[in-house]
Amino acid sequence: MSCTRSLMGFHWDHHQWKRRVVSTECVPTQQANMWSRPVYGTSVSCKSAYVCTHCGATKRHEGCICDTAEGDQCPARLTFLESERHAH
């Protein structure tokens, strides 16, 4: 299915983008507390792309990092983890 629209000789793309996680990992982090002492923890790092739900075109690969609690509730990451679980 094509997402290109035409009207009176003008053409433009009309995609419906959805974020899809391509890879994810847990990474160790270090932050400073209010007394400037190091606090160690774990964060979730994801690489994602935006994919058109109609034609499959992709754009803008990007990365994000968030704390573990937020990463465990991210719908795009959970979808990726579920697909990886079924692939193996």
PDB file of N, CA and C in Angstrom:
ATOM      1  N   MET A   1       0.844  -1.181   0.000  1.00  0.00           N
ATOM      2  CA  MET A   1       0.000   0.000   0.000  1.00  0.00           C
ATOM      3  C   MET A   1       0.887   1.242   0.000  1.00  0.00           C
ATOM      4  N   SER A   2       0.578   2.179  -0.828  1.00  0.00           N
ATOM      5  CA  SER A   2       1.370   3.396  -0.945  1.00  0.00           C
ATOM      6  C   SER A   2       0.821   4.487  -0.029  1.00  0.00           C
ATOM      7  N   CYS A   3       1.716   5.228   0.574  1.00  0.00           N
ATOM      8  CA  CYS A   3       1.315   6.333   1.436  1.00  0.00           C
ATOM      9  C   CYS A   3       1.470   7.674   0.731  1.00  0.00           C
ATOM     10  N   THR A   4       1.738   7.664  -0.565  1.00  0.00           N
ATOM     11  CA  THR A   4       1.886   8.899  -1.324  1.00  0.00           C
ATOM     12  C   THR A   4       0.514   9.400  -1.755  1.00  0.00           C
ATOM     13  N   ARG A   5       0.240  10.643  -1.490  1.00  0.00           N
ATOM     14  CA  ARG A   5      -1.033  11.267  -1.860  1.00  0.00           C
ATOM     15  C   ARG A   5      -0.772  12.265  -2.978  1.00  0.00           C
ATOM     16  N   SER A   6      -1.728  12.421  -3.859  1.00  0.00           N
ATOM     17  CA  SER A   6      -1.611  13.365  -4.973  1.00  0.00           C
ATOM     18  C   SER A   6      -2.870  14.205  -5.065  1.00  0.00           C
ATOM     19  N   LEU A   7      -2.671  15.479  -5.360  1.00  0.00           N
ATOM     20  CA  LEU A   7      -3.790  16.390  -5.559  1.00  0.00           C
ATOM     21  C   LEU A   7      -3.318  17.509  -6.473  1.00  0.00           C
ATOM     22  N   MET A   8      -3.941  17.598  -7.624  1.00  0.00           N
ATOM     23  CA  MET A   8      -3.662  18.665  -8.591  1.00  0.00           C
ATOM     24  C   MET A   8      -2.166  18.796  -8.901  1.00  0.00           C
ATOM     25  N   GLY A   9      -1.497  17.677  -9.119  1.00  0.00           N
ATOM     26  CA  GLY A   9      -0.102  17.694  -9.503  1.00  0.00           C
ATOM     27  C   GLY A   9       0.889  17.767  -8.351  1.00  0.00           C
ATOM     28  N   PHE A  10       0.421  17.895  -7.117  1.00  0.00           N
ATOM     29  CA  PHE A  10       1.300  17.912  -5.955  1.00  0.00           C
ATOM     30  C   PHE A  10       1.297  16.528  -5.321  1.00  0.00           C
ATOM     31  N   HIS A  11       2.461  16.083  -4.889  1.00  0.00           N
ATOM     32  CA  HIS A  11       2.609  14.777  -4.270  1.00  0.00           C
ATOM     33  C   HIS A  11       3.244  14.948  -2.889  1.00  0.00           C
ATOM     34  N   TRP A  12       2.756  14.219  -1.925  1.00  0.00           N
ATOM     35  CA  TRP A  12       3.343  14.239  -0.589  1.00  0.00           C
ATOM     36  C   TRP A  12       3.104  12.903   0.079  1.00  0.00           C
ATOM     37  N   ASP A  13       3.955  12.600   1.038  1.00  0.00           N
ATOM     38  CA  ASP A  13       3.828  11.359   1.792  1.00  0.00           C
ATOM     39  C   ASP A  13       2.952  11.592   3.010  1.00  0.00           C
ATOM     40  N   HIS A  14       2.097  10.644   3.277  1.00  0.00           N
ATOM     41  CA  HIS A  14       1.203  10.731   4.428  1.00  0.00           C
ATOM     42  C   HIS A  14       1.321   9.423   5.212  1.00  0.00           C
ATOM     43  N   HIS A  15       2.395   9.333   6.019  1.00  0.00           N
ATOM     44  CA  HIS A  15       2.659   8.114   6.778  1.00  0.00           C
ATOM     45  C   HIS A  15       2.009   8.193   8.157  1.00  0.00           C
ATOM     46  N   GLN A  16       1.756   7.039   8.724  1.00  0.00           N
ATOM     47  CA  GLN A  16       1.314   6.942  10.117  1.00  0.00           C
ATOM     48  C   GLN A  16       2.426   6.226  10.870  1.00  0.00           C
ATOM     49  N   TRP A  17       3.237   7.008  11.596  1.00  0.00           N
ATOM     50  CA  TRP A  17       4.437   6.487  12.228  1.00  0.00           C
ATOM     51  C   TRP A  17       4.134   5.844  13.568  1.00  0.00           C
ATOM     52  N   LYS A  18       4.819   4.732  13.825  1.00  0.00           N
ATOM     53  CA  LYS A  18       4.740   4.052  15.117  1.00  0.00           C
ATOM     54  C   LYS A  18       6.165   3.706  15.544  1.00  0.00           C
ATOM     55  N   ARG A  19       6.480   3.952  16.793  1.00  0.00           N
ATOM     56  CA  ARG A  19       7.828   3.679  17.314  1.00  0.00           C
ATOM     57  C   ARG A  19       8.003   2.178  17.504  1.00  0.00           C
ATOM     58  N   ARG A  20       9.138   1.649  17.021  1.00  0.00           N
ATOM     59  CA  ARG A  20       9.447   0.230  17.176  1.00  0.00           C
ATOM     60  C   ARG A  20      10.868   0.097  17.711  1.00  0.00           C
ATOM     61  N   VAL A  21      11.019  -0.632  18.791  1.00  0.00           N
ATOM     62  CA  VAL A  21      12.340  -0.860  19.385  1.00  0.00           C
ATOM     63  C   VAL A  21      13.074  -1.899  18.547  1.00  0.00           C
ATOM     64  N   VAL A  22      14.335  -1.601  18.216  1.00  0.00           N
ATOM     65  CA  VAL A  22      15.162  -2.490  17.406  1.00  0.00           C
ATOM     66  C   VAL A  22      16.096  -3.314  18.296  1.00  0.00           C
ATOM     67  N   SER A  23      16.570  -2.717  19.386  1.00  0.00           N
ATOM     68  CA  SER A  23      17.409  -3.442  20.343  1.00  0.00           C
ATOM     69  C   SER A  23      17.293  -2.762  21.706  1.00  0.00           C
ATOM     70  N   THR A  24      17.552  -3.531  22.744  1.00  0.00           N
ATOM     71  CA  THR A  24      17.485  -2.993  24.104  1.00  0.00           C
ATOM     72  C   THR A  24      18.486  -3.730  24.987  1.00  0.00           C
ATOM     73  N   GLU A  25      18.983  -3.030  25.996  1.00  0.00           N
ATOM     74  CA  GLU A  25      19.899  -3.635  26.953  1.00  0.00           C
ATOM     75  C   GLU A  25      19.850  -2.869  28.268  1.00  0.00           C
ATOM     76  N   CYS A  26      20.246  -3.537  29.333  1.00  0.00           N
ATOM     77  CA  CYS A  26      20.374  -2.896  30.643  1.00  0.00           C
ATOM     78  C   CYS A  26      21.821  -2.448  30.797  1.00  0.00           C
ATOM     79  N   VAL A  27      22.007  -1.207  31.207  1.00  0.00           N
ATOM     80  CA  VAL A  27      23.355  -0.645  31.330  1.00  0.00           C
ATOM     81  C   VAL A  27      23.561  -0.120  32.750  1.00  0.00           C
ATOM     82  N   PRO A  28      24.759  -0.296  33.293  1.00  0.00           N
ATOM     83  CA  PRO A  28      25.043   0.249  34.622  1.00  0.00           C
ATOM     84  C   PRO A  28      25.161   1.776  34.550  1.00  0.00           C
ATOM     85  N   THR A  29      24.672   2.444  35.576  1.00  0.00           N
ATOM     86  CA  THR A  29      24.748   3.900  35.616  1.00  0.00           C
ATOM     87  C   THR A  29      25.367   4.357  36.934  1.00  0.00           C
ATOM     88  N   GLN A  30      25.871   5.564  36.920  1.00  0.00           N
ATOM     89  CA  GLN A  30      26.408   6.177  38.122  1.00  0.00           C
ATOM     90  C   GLN A  30      25.941   7.624  38.154  1.00  0.00           C
ATOM     91  N   GLN A  31      25.308   8.002  39.247  1.00  0.00           N
ATOM     92  CA  GLN A  31      24.856   9.373  39.447  1.00  0.00           C
ATOM     93  C   GLN A  31      25.360   9.850  40.793  1.00  0.00           C
ATOM     94  N   ALA A  32      25.304  11.137  40.997  1.00  0.00           N
ATOM     95  CA  ALA A  32      25.731  11.711  42.272  1.00  0.00           C
ATOM     96  C   ALA A  32      24.498  12.017  43.121  1.00  0.00           C
ATOM     97  N   ASN A  33      24.579  11.698  44.410  1.00  0.00           N
ATOM     98  CA  ASN A  33      23.478  12.052  45.309  1.00  0.00           C
ATOM     99  C   ASN A  33      23.653  13.497  45.777  1.00  0.00           C
ATOM    100  N   MET A  34      22.831  13.952  46.707  1.00  0.00           N
ATOM    101  CA  MET A  34      22.878  15.353  47.117  1.00  0.00           C
ATOM    102  C   MET A  34      24.168  15.734  47.849  1.00  0.00           C
ATOM    103  N   TRP A  35      24.961  14.724  48.261  1.00  0.00           N
ATOM    104  CA  TRP A  35      26.254  14.998  48.897  1.00  0.00           C
ATOM    105  C   TRP A  35      27.404  14.711  47.932  1.00  0.00           C
ATOM    106  N   SER A  36      27.103  14.607  46.660  1.00  0.00           N
ATOM    107  CA  SER A  36      28.086  14.348  45.593  1.00  0.00           C
ATOM    108  C   SER A  36      28.778  13.000  45.716  1.00  0.00           C
ATOM    109  N   ARG A  37      28.129  12.072  46.373  1.00  0.00           N
ATOM    110  CA  ARG A  37      28.668  10.715  46.457  1.00  0.00           C
ATOM    111  C   ARG A  37      28.063   9.883  45.327  1.00  0.00           C
ATOM    112  N   PRO A  38      28.843   8.966  44.774  1.00  0.00           N
ATOM    113  CA  PRO A  38      28.310   8.173  43.659  1.00  0.00           C
ATOM    114  C   PRO A  38      27.230   7.192  44.117  1.00  0.00           C
ATOM    115  N   VAL A  39      26.197   7.098  43.306  1.00  0.00           N
ATOM    116  CA  VAL A  39      25.117   6.140  43.518  1.00  0.00           C
ATOM    117  C   VAL A  39      25.049   5.292  42.254  1.00  0.00           C
ATOM    118  N   TYR A  40      25.175   3.990  42.422  1.00  0.00           N
ATOM    119  CA  TYR A  40      25.200   3.089  41.282  1.00  0.00           C
ATOM    120  C   TYR A  40      23.830   2.466  41.083  1.00  0.00           C
ATOM    121  N   GLY A  41      23.473   2.264  39.838  1.00  0.00           N
ATOM    122  CA  GLY A  41      22.182   1.668  39.523  1.00  0.00           C
ATOM    123  C   GLY A  41      22.205   1.069  38.127  1.00  0.00           C
ATOM    124  N   THR A  42      21.019   0.799  37.617  1.00  0.00           N
ATOM    125  CA  THR A  42      20.877   0.225  36.281  1.00  0.00           C
ATOM    126  C   THR A  42      19.810   1.002  35.527  1.00  0.00           C
ATOM    127  N   SER A  43      20.074   1.259  34.267  1.00  0.00           N
ATOM    128  CA  SER A  43      19.101   1.910  33.389  1.00  0.00           C
ATOM    129  C   SER A  43      18.866   1.024  32.175  1.00  0.00           C
ATOM    130  N   VAL A  44      17.830   1.339  31.432  1.00  0.00           N
ATOM    131  CA  VAL A  44      17.491   0.610  30.217  1.00  0.00           C
ATOM    132  C   VAL A  44      17.814   1.495  29.024  1.00  0.00           C
ATOM    133  N   SER A  45      18.574   0.962  28.082  1.00  0.00           N
ATOM    134  CA  SER A  45      18.924   1.681  26.865  1.00  0.00           C
ATOM    135  C   SER A  45      18.264   0.978  25.681  1.00  0.00           C
ATOM    136  N   CYS A  46      17.583   1.739  24.828  1.00  0.00           N
ATOM    137  CA  CYS A  46      16.911   1.175  23.661  1.00  0.00           C
ATOM    138  C   CYS A  46      17.316   1.938  22.409  1.00  0.00           C
ATOM    139  N   LYS A  47      17.416   1.224  21.311  1.00  0.00           N
ATOM    140  CA  LYS A  47      17.554   1.833  19.997  1.00  0.00           C
ATOM    141  C   LYS A  47      16.234   1.579  19.288  1.00  0.00           C
ATOM    142  N   SER A  48      15.658   2.625  18.709  1.00  0.00           N
ATOM    143  CA  SER A  48      14.353   2.474  18.081  1.00  0.00           C
ATOM    144  C   SER A  48      14.299   3.198  16.751  1.00  0.00           C
ATOM    145  N   ALA A  49      13.290   2.847  15.971  1.00  0.00           N
ATOM    146  CA  ALA A  49      13.043   3.476  14.677  1.00  0.00           C
ATOM    147  C   ALA A  49      11.545   3.742  14.594  1.00  0.00           C
ATOM    148  N   TYR A  50      11.176   4.638  13.717  1.00  0.00           N
ATOM    149  CA  TYR A  50       9.764   4.890  13.459  1.00  0.00           C
ATOM    150  C   TYR A  50       9.396   4.188  12.159  1.00  0.00           C
ATOM    151  N   VAL A  51       8.341   3.376  12.202  1.00  0.00           N
ATOM    152  CA  VAL A  51       7.918   2.567  11.063  1.00  0.00           C
ATOM    153  C   VAL A  51       6.494   2.944  10.698  1.00  0.00           C
ATOM    154  N   CYS A  52       6.227   3.121   9.397  1.00  0.00           N
ATOM    155  CA  CYS A  52       4.874   3.418   8.926  1.00  0.00           C
ATOM    156  C   CYS A  52       4.031   2.156   9.050  1.00  0.00           C
ATOM    157  N   THR A  53       2.872   2.274   9.653  1.00  0.00           N
ATOM    158  CA  THR A  53       1.997   1.117   9.850  1.00  0.00           C
ATOM    159  C   THR A  53       1.352   0.654   8.556  1.00  0.00           C
ATOM    160  N   HIS A  54       1.361   1.480   7.509  1.00  0.00           N
ATOM    161  CA  HIS A  54       0.726   1.106   6.245  1.00  0.00           C
ATOM    162  C   HIS A  54       1.718   0.540   5.234  1.00  0.00           C
ATOM    163  N   CYS A  55       2.821   1.252   4.976  1.00  0.00           N
ATOM    164  CA  CYS A  55       3.720   0.833   3.895  1.00  0.00           C
ATOM    165  C   CYS A  55       5.033   0.228   4.395  1.00  0.00           C
ATOM    166  N   GLY A  56       5.344   0.354   5.676  1.00  0.00           N
ATOM    167  CA  GLY A  56       6.570  -0.217   6.218  1.00  0.00           C
ATOM    168  C   GLY A  56       7.805   0.652   6.089  1.00  0.00           C
ATOM    169  N   ALA A  57       7.661   1.882   5.596  1.00  0.00           N
ATOM    170  CA  ALA A  57       8.807   2.795   5.489  1.00  0.00           C
ATOM    171  C   ALA A  57       9.346   3.094   6.886  1.00  0.00           C
ATOM    172  N   THR A  58      10.650   3.320   6.977  1.00  0.00           N
ATOM    173  CA  THR A  58      11.256   3.634   8.270  1.00  0.00           C
ATOM    174  C   THR A  58      11.923   5.006   8.207  1.00  0.00           C
ATOM    175  N   LYS A  59      12.050   5.616   9.363  1.00  0.00           N
ATOM    176  CA  LYS A  59      12.753   6.894   9.467  1.00  0.00           C
ATOM    177  C   LYS A  59      13.392   7.010  10.828  1.00  0.00           C
ATOM    178  N   ARG A  60      14.354   7.831  10.922  1.00  0.00           N
ATOM    179  CA  ARG A  60      14.977   8.323  12.146  1.00  0.00           C
ATOM    180  C   ARG A  60      15.222   7.260  13.221  1.00  0.00           C
ATOM    181  N   HIS A  61      16.339   6.591  13.113  1.00  0.00           N
ATOM    182  CA  HIS A  61      16.746   5.684  14.178  1.00  0.00           C
ATOM    183  C   HIS A  61      17.268   6.542  15.327  1.00  0.00           C
ATOM    184  N   GLU A  62      16.831   6.237  16.512  1.00  0.00           N
ATOM    185  CA  GLU A  62      17.274   7.027  17.665  1.00  0.00           C
ATOM    186  C   GLU A  62      17.418   6.135  18.879  1.00  0.00           C
ATOM    187  N   GLY A  63      18.061   6.656  19.891  1.00  0.00           N
ATOM    188  CA  GLY A  63      18.255   5.925  21.124  1.00  0.00           C
ATOM    189  C   GLY A  63      17.622   6.661  22.289  1.00  0.00           C
ATOM    190  N   CYS A  64      17.266   5.911  23.303  1.00  0.00           N
ATOM    191  CA  CYS A  64      16.739   6.531  24.521  1.00  0.00           C
ATOM    192  C   CYS A  64      17.260   5.739  25.711  1.00  0.00           C
ATOM    193  N   ILE A  65      17.282   6.393  26.839  1.00  0.00           N
ATOM    194  CA  ILE A  65      17.701   5.739  28.075  1.00  0.00           C
ATOM    195  C   ILE A  65      16.751   6.185  29.175  1.00  0.00           C
ATOM    196  N   CYS A  66      16.326   5.242  29.991  1.00  0.00           N
ATOM    197  CA  CYS A  66      15.406   5.559  31.086  1.00  0.00           C
ATOM    198  C   CYS A  66      15.695   4.628  32.255  1.00  0.00           C
ATOM    199  N   ASP A  67      15.083   4.917  33.401  1.00  0.00           N
ATOM    200  CA  ASP A  67      15.317   4.051  34.542  1.00  0.00           C
ATOM    201  C   ASP A  67      14.608   2.710  34.317  1.00  0.00           C
ATOM    202  N   THR A  68      14.989   1.731  35.092  1.00  0.00           N
ATOM    203  CA  THR A  68      14.503   0.369  34.897  1.00  0.00           C
ATOM    204  C   THR A  68      12.992   0.263  35.079  1.00  0.00           C
ATOM    205  N   ALA A  69      12.432   0.963  36.039  1.00  0.00           N
ATOM    206  CA  ALA A  69      10.985   0.890  36.277  1.00  0.00           C
ATOM    207  C   ALA A  69      10.198   1.410  35.078  1.00  0.00           C
ATOM    208  N   GLU A  70      10.660   2.498  34.490  1.00  0.00           N
ATOM    209  CA  GLU A  70       9.993   3.056  33.316  1.00  0.00           C
ATOM    210  C   GLU A  70      10.180   2.144  32.103  1.00  0.00           C
ATOM    211  N   GLY A  71      11.378   1.590  31.946  1.00  0.00           N
ATOM    212  CA  GLY A  71      11.656   0.681  30.843  1.00  0.00           C
ATOM    213  C   GLY A  71      10.831  -0.588  30.897  1.00  0.00           C
ATOM    214  N   ASP A  72      10.525  -1.045  32.115  1.00  0.00           N
ATOM    215  CA  ASP A  72       9.705  -2.251  32.276  1.00  0.00           C
ATOM    216  C   ASP A  72       8.241  -2.017  31.932  1.00  0.00           C
ATOM    217  N   GLN A  73       7.831  -0.761  31.762  1.00  0.00           N
ATOM    218  CA  GLN A  73       6.441  -0.435  31.413  1.00  0.00           C
ATOM    219  C   GLN A  73       6.309   0.171  30.020  1.00  0.00           C
ATOM    220  N   CYS A  74       7.416   0.339  29.295  1.00  0.00           N
ATOM    221  CA  CYS A  74       7.389   0.953  27.977  1.00  0.00           C
ATOM    222  C   CYS A  74       6.729  -0.001  26.970  1.00  0.00           C
ATOM    223  N   PRO A  75       5.618   0.413  26.341  1.00  0.00           N
ATOM    224  CA  PRO A  75       4.916  -0.485  25.415  1.00  0.00           C
ATOM    225  C   PRO A  75       5.770  -0.920  24.222  1.00  0.00           C
ATOM    226  N   ALA A  76       6.570  -0.020  23.658  1.00  0.00           N
ATOM    227  CA  ALA A  76       7.398  -0.385  22.506  1.00  0.00           C
ATOM    228  C   ALA A  76       8.457  -1.405  22.908  1.00  0.00           C
ATOM    229  N   ARG A  77       9.064  -1.233  24.067  1.00  0.00           N
ATOM    230  CA  ARG A  77      10.082  -2.181  24.547  1.00  0.00           C
ATOM    231  C   ARG A  77       9.462  -3.529  24.886  1.00  0.00           C
ATOM    232  N   LEU A  78       8.295  -3.523  25.517  1.00  0.00           N
ATOM    233  CA  LEU A  78       7.628  -4.781  25.862  1.00  0.00           C
ATOM    234  C   LEU A  78       7.250  -5.568  24.608  1.00  0.00           C
ATOM    235  N   THR A  79       6.820  -4.878  23.561  1.00  0.00           N
ATOM    236  CA  THR A  79       6.505  -5.541  22.299  1.00  0.00           C
ATOM    237  C   THR A  79       7.750  -6.190  21.713  1.00  0.00           C
ATOM    238  N   PHE A  80       8.880  -5.476  21.751  1.00  0.00           N
ATOM    239  CA  PHE A  80      10.136  -6.020  21.242  1.00  0.00           C
ATOM    240  C   PHE A  80      10.556  -7.248  22.046  1.00  0.00           C
ATOM    241  N   LEU A  81      10.498  -7.166  23.372  1.00  0.00           N
ATOM    242  CA  LEU A  81      10.905  -8.292  24.214  1.00  0.00           C
ATOM    243  C   LEU A  81      10.013  -9.508  23.969  1.00  0.00           C
ATOM    244  N   GLU A  82       8.730  -9.286  23.774  1.00  0.00           N
ATOM    245  CA  GLU A  82       7.802 -10.386  23.498  1.00  0.00           C
ATOM    246  C   GLU A  82       8.123 -11.044  22.155  1.00  0.00           C
ATOM    247  N   SER A  83       8.432 -10.243  21.138  1.00  0.00           N
ATOM    248  CA  SER A  83       8.778 -10.813  19.833  1.00  0.00           C
ATOM    249  C   SER A  83      10.095 -11.576  19.898  1.00  0.00           C
ATOM    250  N   GLU A  84      11.052 -11.095  20.687  1.00  0.00           N
ATOM    251  CA  GLU A  84      12.320 -11.807  20.865  1.00  0.00           C
ATOM    252  C   GLU A  84      12.103 -13.138  21.591  1.00  0.00           C
ATOM    253  N   ARG A  85      11.200 -13.157  22.552  1.00  0.00           N
ATOM    254  CA  ARG A  85      10.913 -14.363  23.308  1.00  0.00           C
ATOM    255  C   ARG A  85      10.318 -15.435  22.395  1.00  0.00           C
ATOM    256  N   HIS A  86       9.443 -15.022  21.470  1.00  0.00           N
ATOM    257  CA  HIS A  86       8.822 -15.978  20.545  1.00  0.00           C
ATOM    258  C   HIS A  86       9.773 -16.413  19.445  1.00  0.00           C
ATOM    259  N   ALA A  87      10.777 -15.592  19.141  1.00  0.00           N
ATOM    260  CA  ALA A  87      11.740 -15.922  18.076  1.00  0.00           C
ATOM    261  C   ALA A  87      12.691 -17.036  18.516  1.00  0.00           C
ATOM    262  N   HIS A  88      12.913 -17.166  19.809  1.00  0.00           N
ATOM    263  CA  HIS A  88      13.867 -18.182  20.290  1.00  0.00           C
ATOM    264  C   HIS A  88      13.174 -19.352  20.857  1.00  0.00           C
TER     265      HIS A  88
END
